[in-house]
């Protein structure tokens, strides 16, 4: 289960991200994982349609 909580600054985490962009759209996706426990700490994604004039 994903948890959104404070991670101590002495703790090691892994940050994985994927970014995709072309002339009309952008897509971003990420996940943060605790290196010791292998627990998923947070994830997110976003989509943006670009309106070029």
N, C-alpha and C. Protein backbone atom coordinates (compact mmCIF):
# COMPACT_ATOMS: atom_id res chain seq x y z
N UNK A 1 0.84 -1.18 0.00
CA UNK A 1 0.00 0.00 0.00
C UNK A 1 0.89 1.24 0.00
N UNK A 2 0.55 2.20 -0.83
CA UNK A 2 1.34 3.43 -0.90
C UNK A 2 1.06 4.30 0.31
N UNK A 3 2.12 4.88 0.83
CA UNK A 3 2.02 5.77 1.97
C UNK A 3 2.62 7.12 1.58
N UNK A 4 2.01 8.17 2.03
CA UNK A 4 2.56 9.51 1.82
C UNK A 4 3.00 10.01 3.19
N UNK A 5 4.28 9.85 3.53
CA UNK A 5 4.76 10.25 4.84
C UNK A 5 6.19 10.77 4.73
N UNK A 6 6.65 11.37 5.80
CA UNK A 6 7.98 11.97 5.87
C UNK A 6 9.05 10.89 5.78
N UNK A 7 10.09 11.15 5.00
CA UNK A 7 11.26 10.28 4.92
C UNK A 7 12.44 11.05 5.49
N UNK A 8 13.08 10.49 6.50
CA UNK A 8 14.21 11.16 7.16
C UNK A 8 15.32 11.41 6.14
N UNK A 9 16.02 12.51 6.28
CA UNK A 9 17.07 12.90 5.32
C UNK A 9 18.26 11.94 5.32
N UNK A 10 18.44 11.13 6.37
CA UNK A 10 19.52 10.14 6.40
C UNK A 10 19.13 8.84 5.71
N UNK A 11 17.91 8.75 5.26
CA UNK A 11 17.39 7.53 4.64
C UNK A 11 17.67 7.56 3.14
N UNK A 12 18.02 6.42 2.57
CA UNK A 12 18.26 6.35 1.13
C UNK A 12 16.98 5.91 0.43
N UNK A 13 16.66 6.61 -0.64
CA UNK A 13 15.49 6.26 -1.45
C UNK A 13 15.90 6.19 -2.92
N UNK A 14 15.13 5.45 -3.68
CA UNK A 14 15.30 5.39 -5.12
C UNK A 14 14.19 6.20 -5.77
N UNK A 15 14.55 7.00 -6.76
CA UNK A 15 13.58 7.79 -7.51
C UNK A 15 13.66 7.37 -8.97
N UNK A 16 12.57 6.85 -9.49
CA UNK A 16 12.50 6.44 -10.89
C UNK A 16 11.46 7.32 -11.57
N UNK A 17 11.83 7.81 -12.76
CA UNK A 17 10.91 8.69 -13.47
C UNK A 17 10.96 8.42 -14.97
N UNK A 18 9.83 8.69 -15.60
CA UNK A 18 9.72 8.55 -17.05
C UNK A 18 9.06 9.82 -17.58
N UNK A 19 9.65 10.39 -18.63
CA UNK A 19 9.13 11.61 -19.23
C UNK A 19 9.00 11.40 -20.73
N UNK A 20 7.88 11.77 -21.27
CA UNK A 20 7.65 11.64 -22.71
C UNK A 20 7.00 12.93 -23.21
N UNK A 21 7.51 13.44 -24.34
CA UNK A 21 6.98 14.70 -24.87
C UNK A 21 7.08 14.70 -26.38
N UNK A 22 6.05 15.25 -27.02
CA UNK A 22 6.11 15.53 -28.46
C UNK A 22 5.45 16.88 -28.69
N UNK A 23 5.08 17.19 -29.93
CA UNK A 23 4.54 18.53 -30.24
C UNK A 23 3.20 18.82 -29.57
N UNK A 24 2.44 17.80 -29.24
CA UNK A 24 1.08 18.03 -28.75
C UNK A 24 0.80 17.53 -27.32
N UNK A 25 1.70 16.75 -26.73
CA UNK A 25 1.41 16.25 -25.39
C UNK A 25 2.68 15.93 -24.59
N UNK A 26 2.51 15.94 -23.26
CA UNK A 26 3.58 15.57 -22.33
C UNK A 26 3.00 14.56 -21.34
N UNK A 27 3.83 13.61 -20.94
CA UNK A 27 3.41 12.63 -19.95
C UNK A 27 4.58 12.39 -18.99
N UNK A 28 4.30 12.47 -17.68
CA UNK A 28 5.32 12.25 -16.65
C UNK A 28 4.80 11.20 -15.68
N UNK A 29 5.69 10.32 -15.24
CA UNK A 29 5.33 9.29 -14.27
C UNK A 29 6.53 9.05 -13.36
N UNK A 30 6.30 8.89 -12.04
CA UNK A 30 7.42 8.67 -11.13
C UNK A 30 7.01 7.77 -9.97
N UNK A 31 8.03 7.22 -9.30
CA UNK A 31 7.82 6.44 -8.08
C UNK A 31 9.04 6.63 -7.18
N UNK A 32 8.80 6.68 -5.87
CA UNK A 32 9.86 6.78 -4.86
C UNK A 32 9.78 5.53 -3.99
N UNK A 33 10.93 4.83 -3.84
CA UNK A 33 10.97 3.57 -3.11
C UNK A 33 12.03 3.66 -2.01
N UNK A 34 11.70 3.20 -0.81
CA UNK A 34 12.66 3.12 0.29
C UNK A 34 13.68 2.04 -0.06
N UNK A 35 14.96 2.38 -0.04
CA UNK A 35 16.02 1.46 -0.46
C UNK A 35 16.17 0.27 0.48
N UNK A 36 15.94 0.47 1.77
CA UNK A 36 16.13 -0.62 2.73
C UNK A 36 14.93 -1.56 2.79
N UNK A 37 13.73 -1.00 2.87
CA UNK A 37 12.53 -1.83 3.04
C UNK A 37 11.89 -2.22 1.71
N UNK A 38 12.32 -1.59 0.62
CA UNK A 38 11.75 -1.81 -0.72
C UNK A 38 10.27 -1.41 -0.77
N UNK A 39 9.88 -0.55 0.12
CA UNK A 39 8.49 -0.10 0.22
C UNK A 39 8.26 1.11 -0.69
N UNK A 40 7.15 1.10 -1.41
CA UNK A 40 6.78 2.24 -2.25
C UNK A 40 6.30 3.36 -1.34
N UNK A 41 6.95 4.52 -1.45
CA UNK A 41 6.61 5.64 -0.58
C UNK A 41 5.65 6.61 -1.25
N UNK A 42 5.84 6.81 -2.54
CA UNK A 42 4.99 7.76 -3.25
C UNK A 42 5.09 7.49 -4.74
N UNK A 43 4.01 7.76 -5.45
CA UNK A 43 4.04 7.67 -6.91
C UNK A 43 3.12 8.74 -7.46
N UNK A 44 3.32 9.06 -8.72
CA UNK A 44 2.49 10.07 -9.34
C UNK A 44 2.63 10.05 -10.84
N UNK A 45 1.69 10.71 -11.49
CA UNK A 45 1.74 10.83 -12.94
C UNK A 45 0.95 12.07 -13.34
N UNK A 46 1.29 12.59 -14.52
CA UNK A 46 0.55 13.74 -15.03
C UNK A 46 0.57 13.71 -16.55
N UNK A 47 -0.46 14.29 -17.12
CA UNK A 47 -0.60 14.39 -18.57
C UNK A 47 -0.95 15.83 -18.89
N UNK A 48 -0.35 16.37 -19.94
CA UNK A 48 -0.64 17.74 -20.34
C UNK A 48 -0.74 17.79 -21.86
N UNK A 49 -1.86 18.32 -22.35
CA UNK A 49 -2.03 18.53 -23.79
C UNK A 49 -1.57 19.95 -24.11
N UNK A 50 -0.63 20.08 -25.05
CA UNK A 50 -0.06 21.39 -25.40
C UNK A 50 -0.89 22.03 -26.51
N UNK A 51 -1.38 23.22 -26.25
CA UNK A 51 -2.13 23.98 -27.25
C UNK A 51 -1.22 25.03 -27.86
N UNK A 52 -0.62 24.71 -28.98
CA UNK A 52 0.25 25.66 -29.67
C UNK A 52 -0.58 26.58 -30.55
N UNK A 53 -0.37 27.91 -30.44
CA UNK A 53 -1.15 28.85 -31.26
C UNK A 53 -0.77 28.79 -32.73
